[in-house]
Amino acid sequence: MRLLDLADAEALRERFQPEVDGVPVYHFRTLEEAGRALWLIPGDPKLERVLRRLWSLAAEMAGPSAAPRGVRKYRNIEEANADRQR
């Protein structure tokens, strides 16, 4: 059976989404179809979840910051340089 249009494809995708290790698997006939599937329109309920996952991944990849948070004041340049060397 061949899908006739995108509406049929969307209806089929909503009914049947196979998963591999908890990740949905999608099948597309063309790269154009695959590219359209990546875009989320403003106001889409999935958008918030996708952005949270993206920021979580970015924070995980960046790791903890090497520099302590906050502003430090020094009496002179020598103290600042000594702190930077630590």
Protein backbone atom coordinates (compact mmCIF):
# COMPACT_ATOMS: atom_id res chain seq x y z
CA MET A 1 0.00 0.00 0.00
CA ARG A 2 1.37 3.39 -0.96
CA LEU A 3 0.60 6.51 1.05
CA LEU A 4 -1.16 9.06 -1.10
CA ASP A 5 -0.49 12.25 0.80
CA LEU A 6 0.99 13.72 3.95
CA ALA A 7 -2.33 13.61 5.80
CA ASP A 8 -2.41 9.84 5.41
CA ALA A 9 1.19 9.61 6.56
CA GLU A 10 0.47 11.75 9.63
CA ALA A 11 -2.57 9.67 10.55
CA LEU A 12 -0.55 6.49 10.25
CA ARG A 13 2.30 7.95 12.29
CA GLU A 14 -0.07 8.93 15.10
CA ARG A 15 -1.50 5.40 15.27
CA PHE A 16 1.75 3.45 14.97
CA GLN A 17 5.10 4.58 16.32
CA PRO A 18 7.51 1.69 16.79
CA GLU A 19 10.15 2.27 19.44
CA VAL A 20 13.71 1.03 19.74
CA ASP A 21 15.08 1.37 23.28
CA GLY A 22 12.38 3.94 24.09
CA VAL A 23 13.16 6.12 21.04
CA PRO A 24 10.47 6.41 18.34
CA VAL A 25 11.50 5.21 14.89
CA TYR A 26 10.14 7.07 11.85
CA HIS A 27 10.32 6.00 8.22
CA PHE A 28 10.27 8.53 5.37
CA ARG A 29 10.23 8.06 1.62
CA THR A 30 12.17 11.23 0.81
CA LEU A 31 14.58 13.62 2.50
CA GLU A 32 12.01 16.36 2.04
CA GLU A 33 9.50 14.45 4.20
CA ALA A 34 12.17 13.89 6.83
CA GLY A 35 13.08 17.58 6.87
CA ARG A 36 9.46 18.63 7.35
CA ALA A 37 9.11 16.24 10.29
CA LEU A 38 11.88 18.09 12.19
CA TRP A 39 10.07 21.43 12.38
CA LEU A 40 7.74 22.32 15.23
CA ILE A 41 5.32 25.19 14.85
CA PRO A 42 5.10 27.86 17.57
CA GLY A 43 2.61 26.82 20.23
CA ASP A 44 3.15 23.10 19.63
CA PRO A 45 2.95 21.25 22.99
CA LYS A 46 6.04 19.21 22.04
CA LEU A 47 8.13 22.36 21.72
CA GLU A 48 8.59 22.91 25.46
CA ARG A 49 9.61 19.27 26.01
CA VAL A 50 12.09 19.37 23.13
CA LEU A 51 13.66 22.60 24.38
CA ARG A 52 13.96 21.26 27.94
CA ARG A 53 15.72 18.13 26.62
CA LEU A 54 18.01 20.27 24.46
CA TRP A 55 19.03 22.52 27.36
CA SER A 56 19.49 19.50 29.62
CA LEU A 57 21.76 17.86 27.04
CA ALA A 58 23.76 21.08 26.59
CA ALA A 59 24.25 21.44 30.36
CA GLU A 60 25.30 17.79 30.63
CA MET A 61 27.79 18.13 27.77
CA ALA A 62 29.24 21.38 29.15
CA GLY A 63 29.84 19.85 32.57
CA PRO A 64 30.48 21.80 35.75
CA SER A 65 32.00 25.23 35.39
CA ALA A 66 35.70 25.46 36.23
CA ALA A 67 35.35 28.99 37.58
CA PRO A 68 33.45 29.69 40.79
CA ARG A 69 30.34 31.79 40.44
CA GLY A 70 30.20 35.40 41.54
CA VAL A 71 32.36 38.48 41.48
CA ARG A 72 35.73 38.58 43.24
CA LYS A 73 37.44 41.73 44.37
CA TYR A 74 41.18 42.05 44.87
CA ARG A 75 43.29 44.72 46.49
CA ASN A 76 45.88 44.66 43.71
CA ILE A 77 46.83 42.93 40.48
CA GLU A 78 49.20 40.53 42.24
CA GLU A 79 46.35 39.05 44.31
CA ALA A 80 44.24 38.70 41.16
CA ASN A 81 47.04 36.92 39.30
CA ALA A 82 47.73 34.63 42.26
CA ASP A 83 44.05 33.65 42.42
CA ARG A 84 43.99 33.03 38.69
CA GLN A 85 46.99 30.67 38.99
CA ARG A 86 45.16 28.50 41.58
